[in-house]
Structures are given as C-alpha cells and as structure tokens.
Amino acid sequence: MRKGVEERRKELIYKLMIHTVNKTVEQLMRLTLKELETEYKKVQNDCHPHSDASSIHWIHTKRQ
C-alpha cells in the first residue's frame, strides 16, 4: 500500500509541476498526499476548460 501512496504522490507532483509556477519541486516533495491532492484540486478548478477566454460564450440573440 505504501508503494501506491508514493506512486500517487509522484503523479500529483508531476502534474503540479506542469501547472504550478508558485512552488518548487522541493516544496512539493515536502507536502503530504492530502496536501498534494488539495493543491491539485485547486489547479483543476483554475484550469477548468469552460472558464478561460477561449471557451464558448453563448450570445443571447433574438431569433427572427
């Protein structure tokens, strides 16, 4: 089970390194699995595909 936890931590650290510029690898390595999961959820919320400028925006127009 310990191996699974370490694999999950490595996976989250890798994903956070791609998206996070505020923390170094050393800072991420010091976080617990729970803290890494929380950080990743924050990143996911910030990177939601429908929330940035390239997303689809519906324009309400009256059809004729």
PDB file of N, CA and C in Angstrom:
ATOM      1  N   MET A   1       0.830  -1.194   0.000  1.00  0.00           N
ATOM      2  CA  MET A   1       0.000   0.000   0.000  1.00  0.00           C
ATOM      3  C   MET A   1       0.872   1.255   0.000  1.00  0.00           C
ATOM      4  N   ARG A   2       1.983   1.210   0.697  1.00  0.00           N
ATOM      5  CA  ARG A   2       2.888   2.354   0.762  1.00  0.00           C
ATOM      6  C   ARG A   2       3.399   2.717  -0.633  1.00  0.00           C
ATOM      7  N   LYS A   3       3.637   1.684  -1.463  1.00  0.00           N
ATOM      8  CA  LYS A   3       4.106   1.922  -2.825  1.00  0.00           C
ATOM      9  C   LYS A   3       3.057   2.678  -3.633  1.00  0.00           C
ATOM     10  N   GLY A   4       1.789   2.353  -3.435  1.00  0.00           N
ATOM     11  CA  GLY A   4       0.706   3.045  -4.122  1.00  0.00           C
ATOM     12  C   GLY A   4       0.620   4.507  -3.742  1.00  0.00           C
ATOM     13  N   VAL A   5       0.832   4.791  -2.466  1.00  0.00           N
ATOM     14  CA  VAL A   5       0.800   6.173  -1.976  1.00  0.00           C
ATOM     15  C   VAL A   5       1.939   6.969  -2.607  1.00  0.00           C
ATOM     16  N   GLU A   6       3.123   6.381  -2.650  1.00  0.00           N
ATOM     17  CA  GLU A   6       4.274   7.070  -3.241  1.00  0.00           C
ATOM     18  C   GLU A   6       4.075   7.293  -4.737  1.00  0.00           C
ATOM     19  N   GLU A   7       3.484   6.334  -5.423  1.00  0.00           N
ATOM     20  CA  GLU A   7       3.208   6.498  -6.849  1.00  0.00           C
ATOM     21  C   GLU A   7       2.208   7.633  -7.081  1.00  0.00           C
ATOM     22  N   ARG A   8       1.185   7.701  -6.228  1.00  0.00           N
ATOM     23  CA  ARG A   8       0.188   8.780  -6.343  1.00  0.00           C
ATOM     24  C   ARG A   8       0.829  10.134  -6.071  1.00  0.00           C
ATOM     25  N   ARG A   9       1.706  10.200  -5.061  1.00  0.00           N
ATOM     26  CA  ARG A   9       2.405  11.452  -4.751  1.00  0.00           C
ATOM     27  C   ARG A   9       3.246  11.898  -5.938  1.00  0.00           C
ATOM     28  N   LYS A  10       3.990  10.964  -6.551  1.00  0.00           N
ATOM     29  CA  LYS A  10       4.841  11.296  -7.698  1.00  0.00           C
ATOM     30  C   LYS A  10       3.997  11.802  -8.869  1.00  0.00           C
ATOM     31  N   GLU A  11       2.866  11.136  -9.085  1.00  0.00           N
ATOM     32  CA  GLU A  11       1.970  11.545 -10.167  1.00  0.00           C
ATOM     33  C   GLU A  11       1.452  12.963  -9.943  1.00  0.00           C
ATOM     34  N   LEU A  12       1.005  13.261  -8.728  1.00  0.00           N
ATOM     35  CA  LEU A  12       0.486  14.594  -8.418  1.00  0.00           C
ATOM     36  C   LEU A  12       1.581  15.658  -8.504  1.00  0.00           C
ATOM     37  N   ILE A  13       2.771  15.327  -8.017  1.00  0.00           N
ATOM     38  CA  ILE A  13       3.885  16.275  -8.085  1.00  0.00           C
ATOM     39  C   ILE A  13       4.199  16.593  -9.541  1.00  0.00           C
ATOM     40  N   TYR A  14       4.219  15.573 -10.387  1.00  0.00           N
ATOM     41  CA  TYR A  14       4.478  15.789 -11.807  1.00  0.00           C
ATOM     42  C   TYR A  14       3.419  16.700 -12.417  1.00  0.00           C
ATOM     43  N   LYS A  15       2.147  16.432 -12.134  1.00  0.00           N
ATOM     44  CA  LYS A  15       1.066  17.252 -12.681  1.00  0.00           C
ATOM     45  C   LYS A  15       1.127  18.681 -12.155  1.00  0.00           C
ATOM     46  N   LEU A  16       1.462  18.838 -10.879  1.00  0.00           N
ATOM     47  CA  LEU A  16       1.549  20.179 -10.294  1.00  0.00           C
ATOM     48  C   LEU A  16       2.744  20.949 -10.842  1.00  0.00           C
ATOM     49  N   MET A  17       3.827  20.259 -11.145  1.00  0.00           N
ATOM     50  CA  MET A  17       4.987  20.943 -11.728  1.00  0.00           C
ATOM     51  C   MET A  17       4.622  21.542 -13.075  1.00  0.00           C
ATOM     52  N   ILE A  18       3.768  20.878 -13.816  1.00  0.00           N
ATOM     53  CA  ILE A  18       3.355  21.374 -15.121  1.00  0.00           C
ATOM     54  C   ILE A  18       2.502  22.631 -14.981  1.00  0.00           C
ATOM     55  N   HIS A  19       1.611  22.651 -13.997  1.00  0.00           N
ATOM     56  CA  HIS A  19       0.636  23.740 -13.864  1.00  0.00           C
ATOM     57  C   HIS A  19       1.008  24.805 -12.854  1.00  0.00           C
ATOM     58  N   THR A  20       1.887  24.510 -11.921  1.00  0.00           N
ATOM     59  CA  THR A  20       2.151  25.435 -10.821  1.00  0.00           C
ATOM     60  C   THR A  20       3.512  26.078 -10.980  1.00  0.00           C
ATOM     61  N   VAL A  21       3.534  27.391 -10.966  1.00  0.00           N
ATOM     62  CA  VAL A  21       4.806  28.107 -11.028  1.00  0.00           C
ATOM     63  C   VAL A  21       5.168  28.694  -9.669  1.00  0.00           C
ATOM     64  N   ASN A  22       4.267  28.611  -8.710  1.00  0.00           N
ATOM     65  CA  ASN A  22       4.487  29.210  -7.396  1.00  0.00           C
ATOM     66  C   ASN A  22       5.320  28.338  -6.470  1.00  0.00           C
ATOM     67  N   LYS A  23       5.435  27.054  -6.767  1.00  0.00           N
ATOM     68  CA  LYS A  23       6.138  26.150  -5.865  1.00  0.00           C
ATOM     69  C   LYS A  23       7.238  25.413  -6.603  1.00  0.00           C
ATOM     70  N   THR A  24       8.324  25.163  -5.892  1.00  0.00           N
ATOM     71  CA  THR A  24       9.424  24.398  -6.455  1.00  0.00           C
ATOM     72  C   THR A  24       9.177  22.914  -6.222  1.00  0.00           C
ATOM     73  N   VAL A  25       9.968  22.089  -6.868  1.00  0.00           N
ATOM     74  CA  VAL A  25       9.859  20.635  -6.695  1.00  0.00           C
ATOM     75  C   VAL A  25      10.118  20.278  -5.236  1.00  0.00           C
ATOM     76  N   GLU A  26      11.080  20.941  -4.624  1.00  0.00           N
ATOM     77  CA  GLU A  26      11.401  20.659  -3.223  1.00  0.00           C
ATOM     78  C   GLU A  26      10.220  20.963  -2.315  1.00  0.00           C
ATOM     79  N   GLN A  27       9.520  22.072  -2.590  1.00  0.00           N
ATOM     80  CA  GLN A  27       8.343  22.419  -1.791  1.00  0.00           C
ATOM     81  C   GLN A  27       7.248  21.384  -1.977  1.00  0.00           C
ATOM     82  N   LEU A  28       7.050  20.930  -3.200  1.00  0.00           N
ATOM     83  CA  LEU A  28       6.024  19.920  -3.457  1.00  0.00           C
ATOM     84  C   LEU A  28       6.378  18.590  -2.811  1.00  0.00           C
ATOM     85  N   MET A  29       7.662  18.242  -2.789  1.00  0.00           N
ATOM     86  CA  MET A  29       8.091  16.975  -2.192  1.00  0.00           C
ATOM     87  C   MET A  29       7.833  16.937  -0.689  1.00  0.00           C
ATOM     88  N   ARG A  30       7.812  18.100  -0.056  1.00  0.00           N
ATOM     89  CA  ARG A  30       7.579  18.165   1.391  1.00  0.00           C
ATOM     90  C   ARG A  30       6.103  18.012   1.773  1.00  0.00           C
ATOM     91  N   LEU A  31       5.200  18.157   0.800  1.00  0.00           N
ATOM     92  CA  LEU A  31       3.775  18.086   1.092  1.00  0.00           C
ATOM     93  C   LEU A  31       3.321  16.642   1.260  1.00  0.00           C
ATOM     94  N   THR A  32       2.301  16.463   2.085  1.00  0.00           N
ATOM     95  CA  THR A  32       1.704  15.137   2.245  1.00  0.00           C
ATOM     96  C   THR A  32       0.805  14.845   1.050  1.00  0.00           C
ATOM     97  N   LEU A  33       0.372  13.598   0.945  1.00  0.00           N
ATOM     98  CA  LEU A  33      -0.521  13.218  -0.147  1.00  0.00           C
ATOM     99  C   LEU A  33      -1.804  14.036  -0.097  1.00  0.00           C
ATOM    100  N   LYS A  34      -2.358  14.226   1.072  1.00  0.00           N
ATOM    101  CA  LYS A  34      -3.589  15.005   1.230  1.00  0.00           C
ATOM    102  C   LYS A  34      -3.383  16.449   0.761  1.00  0.00           C
ATOM    103  N   GLU A  35      -2.253  17.038   1.135  1.00  0.00           N
ATOM    104  CA  GLU A  35      -1.955  18.414   0.725  1.00  0.00           C
ATOM    105  C   GLU A  35      -1.757  18.503  -0.790  1.00  0.00           C
ATOM    106  N   LEU A  36      -1.100  17.504  -1.362  1.00  0.00           N
ATOM    107  CA  LEU A  36      -0.910  17.478  -2.816  1.00  0.00           C
ATOM    108  C   LEU A  36      -2.245  17.366  -3.535  1.00  0.00           C
ATOM    109  N   GLU A  37      -3.129  16.527  -3.022  1.00  0.00           N
ATOM    110  CA  GLU A  37      -4.452  16.381  -3.637  1.00  0.00           C
ATOM    111  C   GLU A  37      -5.234  17.681  -3.560  1.00  0.00           C
ATOM    112  N   THR A  38      -5.132  18.383  -2.447  1.00  0.00           N
ATOM    113  CA  THR A  38      -5.807  19.673  -2.291  1.00  0.00           C
ATOM    114  C   THR A  38      -5.258  20.685  -3.289  1.00  0.00           C
ATOM    115  N   GLU A  39      -3.938  20.751  -3.426  1.00  0.00           N
ATOM    116  CA  GLU A  39      -3.316  21.660  -4.390  1.00  0.00           C
ATOM    117  C   GLU A  39      -3.760  21.329  -5.808  1.00  0.00           C
ATOM    118  N   TYR A  40      -3.831  20.044  -6.124  1.00  0.00           N
ATOM    119  CA  TYR A  40      -4.223  19.633  -7.469  1.00  0.00           C
ATOM    120  C   TYR A  40      -5.677  20.002  -7.759  1.00  0.00           C
ATOM    121  N   LYS A  41      -6.533  19.866  -6.759  1.00  0.00           N
ATOM    122  CA  LYS A  41      -7.937  20.256  -6.940  1.00  0.00           C
ATOM    123  C   LYS A  41      -8.053  21.755  -7.206  1.00  0.00           C
ATOM    124  N   LYS A  42      -7.235  22.556  -6.541  1.00  0.00           N
ATOM    125  CA  LYS A  42      -7.234  23.998  -6.782  1.00  0.00           C
ATOM    126  C   LYS A  42      -6.824  24.299  -8.227  1.00  0.00           C
ATOM    127  N   VAL A  43      -5.797  23.597  -8.692  1.00  0.00           N
ATOM    128  CA  VAL A  43      -5.323  23.787 -10.063  1.00  0.00           C
ATOM    129  C   VAL A  43      -6.395  23.376 -11.052  1.00  0.00           C
ATOM    130  N   GLN A  44      -7.066  22.259 -10.787  1.00  0.00           N
ATOM    131  CA  GLN A  44      -8.130  21.805 -11.678  1.00  0.00           C
ATOM    132  C   GLN A  44      -9.248  22.834 -11.765  1.00  0.00           C
ATOM    133  N   ASN A  45      -9.620  23.415 -10.642  1.00  0.00           N
ATOM    134  CA  ASN A  45     -10.678  24.431 -10.649  1.00  0.00           C
ATOM    135  C   ASN A  45     -10.251  25.667 -11.438  1.00  0.00           C
ATOM    136  N   ASP A  46      -8.997  26.057 -11.313  1.00  0.00           N
ATOM    137  CA  ASP A  46      -8.492  27.230 -12.025  1.00  0.00           C
ATOM    138  C   ASP A  46      -8.354  26.968 -13.519  1.00  0.00           C
ATOM    139  N   CYS A  47      -8.127  25.730 -13.898  1.00  0.00           N
ATOM    140  CA  CYS A  47      -7.884  25.382 -15.302  1.00  0.00           C
ATOM    141  C   CYS A  47      -9.100  24.751 -15.961  1.00  0.00           C
ATOM    142  N   HIS A  48     -10.267  24.975 -15.423  1.00  0.00           N
ATOM    143  CA  HIS A  48     -11.471  24.385 -15.994  1.00  0.00           C
ATOM    144  C   HIS A  48     -11.602  24.825 -17.446  1.00  0.00           C
ATOM    145  N   PRO A  49     -11.877  23.908 -18.361  1.00  0.00           N
ATOM    146  CA  PRO A  49     -11.884  24.249 -19.788  1.00  0.00           C
ATOM    147  C   PRO A  49     -12.938  25.276 -20.202  1.00  0.00           C
ATOM    148  N   HIS A  50     -13.958  25.477 -19.406  1.00  0.00           N
ATOM    149  CA  HIS A  50     -15.009  26.419 -19.767  1.00  0.00           C
ATOM    150  C   HIS A  50     -14.858  27.759 -19.058  1.00  0.00           C
ATOM    151  N   SER A  51     -13.732  27.968 -18.386  1.00  0.00           N
ATOM    152  CA  SER A  51     -13.617  29.184 -17.595  1.00  0.00           C
ATOM    153  C   SER A  51     -12.655  30.216 -18.170  1.00  0.00           C
ATOM    154  N   ASP A  52     -11.884  29.881 -19.193  1.00  0.00           N
ATOM    155  CA  ASP A  52     -10.946  30.881 -19.684  1.00  0.00           C
ATOM    156  C   ASP A  52     -11.430  31.559 -20.966  1.00  0.00           C
ATOM    157  N   ALA A  53     -10.610  32.405 -21.511  1.00  0.00           N
ATOM    158  CA  ALA A  53     -11.022  33.244 -22.631  1.00  0.00           C
ATOM    159  C   ALA A  53     -11.347  32.475 -23.907  1.00  0.00           C
ATOM    160  N   SER A  54     -10.783  31.299 -24.070  1.00  0.00           N
ATOM    161  CA  SER A  54     -11.034  30.556 -25.301  1.00  0.00           C
ATOM    162  C   SER A  54     -12.282  29.678 -25.224  1.00  0.00           C
ATOM    163  N   SER A  55     -13.007  29.794 -24.154  1.00  0.00           N
ATOM    164  CA  SER A  55     -14.196  28.966 -24.001  1.00  0.00           C
ATOM    165  C   SER A  55     -15.346  29.497 -24.852  1.00  0.00           C
ATOM    166  N   ILE A  56     -16.353  28.672 -25.014  1.00  0.00           N
ATOM    167  CA  ILE A  56     -17.534  29.053 -25.781  1.00  0.00           C
ATOM    168  C   ILE A  56     -18.405  29.957 -24.921  1.00  0.00           C
ATOM    169  N   HIS A  57     -18.780  31.083 -25.461  1.00  0.00           N
ATOM    170  CA  HIS A  57     -19.677  32.000 -24.765  1.00  0.00           C
ATOM    171  C   HIS A  57     -20.941  32.148 -25.602  1.00  0.00           C
ATOM    172  N   TRP A  58     -22.049  31.843 -24.990  1.00  0.00           N
ATOM    173  CA  TRP A  58     -23.321  31.947 -25.697  1.00  0.00           C
ATOM    174  C   TRP A  58     -23.764  33.401 -25.716  1.00  0.00           C
ATOM    175  N   ILE A  59     -24.205  33.836 -26.857  1.00  0.00           N
ATOM    176  CA  ILE A  59     -24.718  35.195 -27.006  1.00  0.00           C
ATOM    177  C   ILE A  59     -26.227  35.074 -27.167  1.00  0.00           C
ATOM    178  N   HIS A  60     -26.941  35.706 -26.287  1.00  0.00           N
ATOM    179  CA  HIS A  60     -28.386  35.644 -26.332  1.00  0.00           C
ATOM    180  C   HIS A  60     -28.905  36.638 -27.377  1.00  0.00           C
ATOM    181  N   THR A  61     -29.376  36.100 -28.453  1.00  0.00           N
ATOM    182  CA  THR A  61     -29.924  36.952 -29.510  1.00  0.00           C
ATOM    183  C   THR A  61     -31.348  36.513 -29.785  1.00  0.00           C
ATOM    184  N   LYS A  62     -32.090  37.424 -30.252  1.00  0.00           N
ATOM    185  CA  LYS A  62     -33.473  37.141 -30.577  1.00  0.00           C
ATOM    186  C   LYS A  62     -33.540  36.590 -32.000  1.00  0.00           C
ATOM    187  N   ARG A  63     -34.130  35.425 -32.152  1.00  0.00           N
ATOM    188  CA  ARG A  63     -34.267  34.832 -33.476  1.00  0.00           C
ATOM    189  C   ARG A  63     -35.427  35.491 -34.204  1.00  0.00           C
ATOM    190  N   GLN A  64     -35.249  35.639 -35.495  1.00  0.00           N
ATOM    191  CA  GLN A  64     -36.311  36.261 -36.286  1.00  0.00           C
ATOM    192  C   GLN A  64     -37.016  35.261 -37.137  1.00  0.00           C
TER     193      GLN A  64
END
